[in-house]
Amino acid sequence: MSPKLFGTDGVRGVANVELTPRLVFDLVGAAVRYFRGGEDHFGPRANLAVGRDTRRSGDMLMGSVVAAATSFGIDVSDLGVVPTPAVAHAASTDPDCIGGVVI
């Protein structure tokens, strides 16, 4: 039986067990493809806002987010260690931002 990854507030799992760098890469890639709608309509300065908490897995998972986003030509705005609402605010107020990720 596969583990339950999607909780009420996003993807959940133990870092490097269920929540692997490969899974994060695949999820971000799928999200970018979904929001792109099969076409490159983001514009030349599209970016993704990313914030994280203080857990030691943050840097590892951040690397996967950056790798996935940049492989699709999306820049990453690394907000550092911030509360979740800060990512939502950054994603909603930056006209070049296509979304946000909280690690």
N, C-alpha and C. Protein backbone atom coordinates (compact mmCIF):
# COMPACT_ATOMS: atom_id res chain seq x y z
N MET A 1 0.84 -1.18 0.00
CA MET A 1 0.00 0.00 0.00
C MET A 1 0.89 1.24 0.00
N SER A 2 0.56 2.19 -0.84
CA SER A 2 1.36 3.41 -0.91
C SER A 2 0.97 4.36 0.23
N PRO A 3 1.93 5.16 0.67
CA PRO A 3 1.64 6.09 1.77
C PRO A 3 0.72 7.22 1.31
N LYS A 4 -0.02 7.77 2.26
CA LYS A 4 -0.86 8.92 1.96
C LYS A 4 0.03 10.16 1.99
N LEU A 5 0.16 10.84 0.85
CA LEU A 5 1.05 11.99 0.76
C LEU A 5 0.32 13.31 0.89
N PHE A 6 -0.94 13.36 0.45
CA PHE A 6 -1.66 14.62 0.45
C PHE A 6 -2.56 14.72 1.67
N GLY A 7 -2.24 15.68 2.53
CA GLY A 7 -3.05 15.94 3.72
C GLY A 7 -3.98 17.11 3.47
N THR A 8 -4.58 17.60 4.51
CA THR A 8 -5.51 18.73 4.35
C THR A 8 -4.79 20.03 4.02
N ASP A 9 -3.51 20.09 4.34
CA ASP A 9 -2.74 21.32 4.10
C ASP A 9 -1.58 21.11 3.15
N GLY A 10 -1.64 20.14 2.27
CA GLY A 10 -0.57 19.95 1.31
C GLY A 10 0.02 18.56 1.36
N VAL A 11 1.23 18.44 0.86
CA VAL A 11 1.92 17.16 0.79
C VAL A 11 2.62 16.92 2.12
N ARG A 12 2.46 15.74 2.64
CA ARG A 12 3.04 15.39 3.94
C ARG A 12 3.88 14.13 3.81
N GLY A 13 4.87 14.01 4.66
CA GLY A 13 5.68 12.81 4.69
C GLY A 13 6.97 13.06 5.44
N VAL A 14 7.64 11.99 5.77
CA VAL A 14 8.94 12.08 6.42
C VAL A 14 9.98 12.38 5.36
N ALA A 15 10.79 13.42 5.61
CA ALA A 15 11.82 13.80 4.64
C ALA A 15 12.77 12.65 4.38
N ASN A 16 13.03 12.41 3.12
CA ASN A 16 13.93 11.37 2.63
C ASN A 16 13.39 9.96 2.83
N VAL A 17 12.14 9.85 3.25
CA VAL A 17 11.46 8.55 3.30
C VAL A 17 10.31 8.61 2.30
N GLU A 18 9.18 9.21 2.68
CA GLU A 18 8.09 9.42 1.72
C GLU A 18 8.31 10.70 0.90
N LEU A 19 8.81 11.71 1.54
CA LEU A 19 8.98 13.02 0.90
C LEU A 19 10.42 13.14 0.42
N THR A 20 10.67 12.58 -0.75
CA THR A 20 12.03 12.54 -1.30
C THR A 20 12.28 13.72 -2.23
N PRO A 21 13.54 14.03 -2.48
CA PRO A 21 13.85 15.07 -3.45
C PRO A 21 13.24 14.79 -4.83
N ARG A 22 13.20 13.53 -5.23
CA ARG A 22 12.62 13.17 -6.53
C ARG A 22 11.12 13.46 -6.56
N LEU A 23 10.43 13.13 -5.48
CA LEU A 23 9.00 13.40 -5.41
C LEU A 23 8.73 14.90 -5.50
N VAL A 24 9.51 15.69 -4.77
CA VAL A 24 9.33 17.15 -4.80
C VAL A 24 9.59 17.68 -6.21
N PHE A 25 10.65 17.19 -6.85
CA PHE A 25 10.96 17.60 -8.22
C PHE A 25 9.77 17.29 -9.14
N ASP A 26 9.23 16.08 -9.03
CA ASP A 26 8.11 15.68 -9.87
C ASP A 26 6.85 16.50 -9.59
N LEU A 27 6.57 16.77 -8.32
CA LEU A 27 5.39 17.56 -7.97
C LEU A 27 5.48 18.99 -8.50
N VAL A 28 6.63 19.62 -8.33
CA VAL A 28 6.81 20.99 -8.83
C VAL A 28 6.74 21.00 -10.35
N GLY A 29 7.35 20.03 -11.00
CA GLY A 29 7.27 19.94 -12.45
C GLY A 29 5.84 19.78 -12.94
N ALA A 30 5.07 18.95 -12.25
CA ALA A 30 3.67 18.75 -12.62
C ALA A 30 2.86 20.03 -12.41
N ALA A 31 3.13 20.73 -11.32
CA ALA A 31 2.41 21.99 -11.06
C ALA A 31 2.73 23.03 -12.12
N VAL A 32 3.98 23.15 -12.50
CA VAL A 32 4.36 24.12 -13.53
C VAL A 32 3.70 23.75 -14.85
N ARG A 33 3.73 22.49 -15.22
CA ARG A 33 3.07 22.07 -16.47
C ARG A 33 1.57 22.34 -16.42
N TYR A 34 0.95 22.10 -15.28
CA TYR A 34 -0.48 22.34 -15.14
C TYR A 34 -0.81 23.82 -15.31
N PHE A 35 -0.10 24.66 -14.58
CA PHE A 35 -0.39 26.10 -14.65
C PHE A 35 0.00 26.70 -15.99
N ARG A 36 0.96 26.10 -16.65
CA ARG A 36 1.35 26.57 -17.98
C ARG A 36 0.27 26.21 -18.99
N GLY A 37 -0.48 25.16 -18.76
CA GLY A 37 -1.54 24.76 -19.66
C GLY A 37 -1.04 24.26 -21.01
N GLY A 38 0.16 23.71 -21.03
CA GLY A 38 0.69 23.18 -22.28
C GLY A 38 1.33 24.23 -23.16
N GLU A 39 1.28 25.48 -22.77
CA GLU A 39 1.87 26.55 -23.56
C GLU A 39 2.78 27.39 -22.69
N ASP A 40 3.72 28.07 -23.32
CA ASP A 40 4.62 28.94 -22.58
C ASP A 40 4.02 30.33 -22.53
N HIS A 41 3.09 30.56 -21.60
CA HIS A 41 2.42 31.85 -21.52
C HIS A 41 2.77 32.61 -20.24
N PHE A 42 3.83 32.19 -19.54
CA PHE A 42 4.19 32.86 -18.30
C PHE A 42 4.89 34.19 -18.52
N GLY A 43 5.53 34.35 -19.64
CA GLY A 43 6.30 35.57 -19.87
C GLY A 43 7.75 35.35 -19.50
N PRO A 44 8.60 36.31 -19.85
CA PRO A 44 10.04 36.12 -19.69
C PRO A 44 10.54 36.19 -18.26
N ARG A 45 9.77 36.73 -17.32
CA ARG A 45 10.26 36.90 -15.95
C ARG A 45 9.48 36.08 -14.94
N ALA A 46 8.85 35.01 -15.35
CA ALA A 46 8.03 34.21 -14.43
C ALA A 46 8.88 33.66 -13.29
N ASN A 47 8.32 33.71 -12.10
CA ASN A 47 9.03 33.15 -10.95
C ASN A 47 8.07 32.45 -10.00
N LEU A 48 8.66 31.69 -9.10
CA LEU A 48 7.94 30.92 -8.10
C LEU A 48 8.44 31.36 -6.73
N ALA A 49 7.55 31.77 -5.85
CA ALA A 49 7.92 32.18 -4.49
C ALA A 49 8.03 30.94 -3.61
N VAL A 50 9.15 30.82 -2.91
CA VAL A 50 9.38 29.65 -2.06
C VAL A 50 9.87 30.09 -0.69
N GLY A 51 9.19 29.60 0.34
CA GLY A 51 9.60 29.84 1.72
C GLY A 51 9.68 28.52 2.45
N ARG A 52 10.35 28.53 3.58
CA ARG A 52 10.52 27.28 4.33
C ARG A 52 10.55 27.54 5.82
N ASP A 53 10.46 26.44 6.56
CA ASP A 53 10.59 26.54 8.01
C ASP A 53 12.04 26.17 8.39
N THR A 54 12.27 25.94 9.65
CA THR A 54 13.65 25.74 10.11
C THR A 54 14.09 24.27 10.17
N ARG A 55 13.29 23.37 9.66
CA ARG A 55 13.70 21.96 9.70
C ARG A 55 14.93 21.73 8.84
N ARG A 56 15.71 20.77 9.25
CA ARG A 56 16.99 20.51 8.57
C ARG A 56 16.80 20.00 7.14
N SER A 57 15.64 19.48 6.81
CA SER A 57 15.38 18.98 5.45
C SER A 57 15.07 20.12 4.47
N GLY A 58 14.91 21.34 4.95
CA GLY A 58 14.52 22.45 4.09
C GLY A 58 15.46 22.71 2.93
N ASP A 59 16.75 22.71 3.18
CA ASP A 59 17.71 22.97 2.11
C ASP A 59 17.66 21.88 1.04
N MET A 60 17.54 20.62 1.46
CA MET A 60 17.49 19.52 0.51
C MET A 60 16.25 19.64 -0.38
N LEU A 61 15.10 19.90 0.23
CA LEU A 61 13.87 20.00 -0.55
C LEU A 61 13.85 21.27 -1.39
N MET A 62 14.45 22.34 -0.88
CA MET A 62 14.56 23.58 -1.65
C MET A 62 15.34 23.34 -2.94
N GLY A 63 16.40 22.55 -2.85
CA GLY A 63 17.18 22.22 -4.04
C GLY A 63 16.34 21.56 -5.11
N SER A 64 15.43 20.69 -4.70
CA SER A 64 14.56 20.02 -5.66
C SER A 64 13.55 20.98 -6.28
N VAL A 65 13.03 21.90 -5.48
CA VAL A 65 12.10 22.90 -6.00
C VAL A 65 12.80 23.77 -7.04
N VAL A 66 14.00 24.23 -6.71
CA VAL A 66 14.77 25.09 -7.62
C VAL A 66 15.09 24.33 -8.91
N ALA A 67 15.55 23.10 -8.78
CA ALA A 67 15.90 22.30 -9.96
C ALA A 67 14.70 22.11 -10.88
N ALA A 68 13.56 21.80 -10.30
CA ALA A 68 12.36 21.58 -11.12
C ALA A 68 11.91 22.86 -11.79
N ALA A 69 11.80 23.94 -11.02
CA ALA A 69 11.31 25.20 -11.58
C ALA A 69 12.23 25.71 -12.68
N THR A 70 13.52 25.72 -12.41
CA THR A 70 14.45 26.25 -13.41
C THR A 70 14.55 25.37 -14.64
N SER A 71 14.27 24.08 -14.50
CA SER A 71 14.28 23.21 -15.68
C SER A 71 13.15 23.55 -16.64
N PHE A 72 12.13 24.26 -16.15
CA PHE A 72 11.03 24.73 -16.99
C PHE A 72 11.16 26.22 -17.31
N GLY A 73 12.30 26.82 -16.97
CA GLY A 73 12.53 28.22 -17.27
C GLY A 73 11.88 29.18 -16.30
N ILE A 74 11.53 28.70 -15.12
CA ILE A 74 10.91 29.53 -14.10
C ILE A 74 11.97 29.92 -13.07
N ASP A 75 12.08 31.20 -12.76
CA ASP A 75 12.99 31.65 -11.71
C ASP A 75 12.38 31.36 -10.35
N VAL A 76 13.21 31.33 -9.32
CA VAL A 76 12.74 31.08 -7.96
C VAL A 76 13.08 32.28 -7.08
N SER A 77 12.08 32.78 -6.38
CA SER A 77 12.29 33.81 -5.37
C SER A 77 12.38 33.11 -4.02
N ASP A 78 13.61 32.93 -3.53
CA ASP A 78 13.84 32.26 -2.26
C ASP A 78 13.57 33.26 -1.13
N LEU A 79 12.46 33.08 -0.45
CA LEU A 79 12.07 33.98 0.63
C LEU A 79 12.75 33.64 1.95
N GLY A 80 13.43 32.50 2.00
CA GLY A 80 14.11 32.08 3.22
C GLY A 80 13.13 31.51 4.23
N VAL A 81 13.49 31.61 5.50
CA VAL A 81 12.63 31.09 6.58
C VAL A 81 11.57 32.15 6.87
N VAL A 82 10.34 31.83 6.50
CA VAL A 82 9.22 32.76 6.66
C VAL A 82 7.96 31.98 7.03
N PRO A 83 6.97 32.65 7.62
CA PRO A 83 5.69 31.98 7.87
C PRO A 83 4.92 31.79 6.56
N THR A 84 4.05 30.81 6.54
CA THR A 84 3.28 30.49 5.33
C THR A 84 2.57 31.70 4.72
N PRO A 85 1.94 32.57 5.49
CA PRO A 85 1.27 33.71 4.89
C PRO A 85 2.21 34.63 4.09
N ALA A 86 3.48 34.65 4.44
CA ALA A 86 4.44 35.48 3.70
C ALA A 86 4.60 34.97 2.27
N VAL A 87 4.56 33.66 2.10
CA VAL A 87 4.66 33.09 0.75
C VAL A 87 3.39 33.42 -0.04
N ALA A 88 2.25 33.29 0.60
CA ALA A 88 0.99 33.63 -0.07
C ALA A 88 0.97 35.09 -0.49
N HIS A 89 1.45 35.96 0.38
CA HIS A 89 1.49 37.39 0.07
C HIS A 89 2.43 37.66 -1.11
N ALA A 90 3.62 37.08 -1.07
CA ALA A 90 4.58 37.28 -2.17
C ALA A 90 4.02 36.77 -3.48
N ALA A 91 3.38 35.62 -3.45
CA ALA A 91 2.84 35.03 -4.68
C ALA A 91 1.69 35.84 -5.25
N SER A 92 0.91 36.47 -4.37
CA SER A 92 -0.27 37.20 -4.85
C SER A 92 0.01 38.65 -5.21
N THR A 93 1.12 39.20 -4.75
CA THR A 93 1.39 40.61 -5.03
C THR A 93 2.43 40.84 -6.12
N ASP A 94 3.19 39.82 -6.47
CA ASP A 94 4.19 39.95 -7.53
C ASP A 94 3.55 39.55 -8.86
N PRO A 95 3.43 40.48 -9.80
CA PRO A 95 2.77 40.15 -11.07
C PRO A 95 3.48 39.10 -11.90
N ASP A 96 4.77 38.86 -11.63
CA ASP A 96 5.52 37.86 -12.37
C ASP A 96 5.48 36.49 -11.70
N CYS A 97 4.86 36.41 -10.52
CA CYS A 97 4.86 35.17 -9.76
C CYS A 97 3.72 34.26 -10.21
N ILE A 98 4.06 33.00 -10.49
CA ILE A 98 3.05 32.04 -10.95
C ILE A 98 2.48 31.22 -9.79
N GLY A 99 3.07 31.32 -8.60
CA GLY A 99 2.57 30.55 -7.47
C GLY A 99 3.58 30.52 -6.34
N GLY A 100 3.27 29.77 -5.31
CA GLY A 100 4.16 29.69 -4.17
C GLY A 100 4.27 28.28 -3.63
N VAL A 101 5.40 28.00 -3.02
CA VAL A 101 5.66 26.70 -2.40
C VAL A 101 6.17 26.97 -0.99
N VAL A 102 5.61 26.24 -0.03
CA VAL A 102 6.08 26.30 1.34
C VAL A 102 6.68 24.95 1.69
N ILE A 103 7.92 24.97 2.12
CA ILE A 103 8.62 23.73 2.49
C ILE A 103 8.61 23.64 4.00
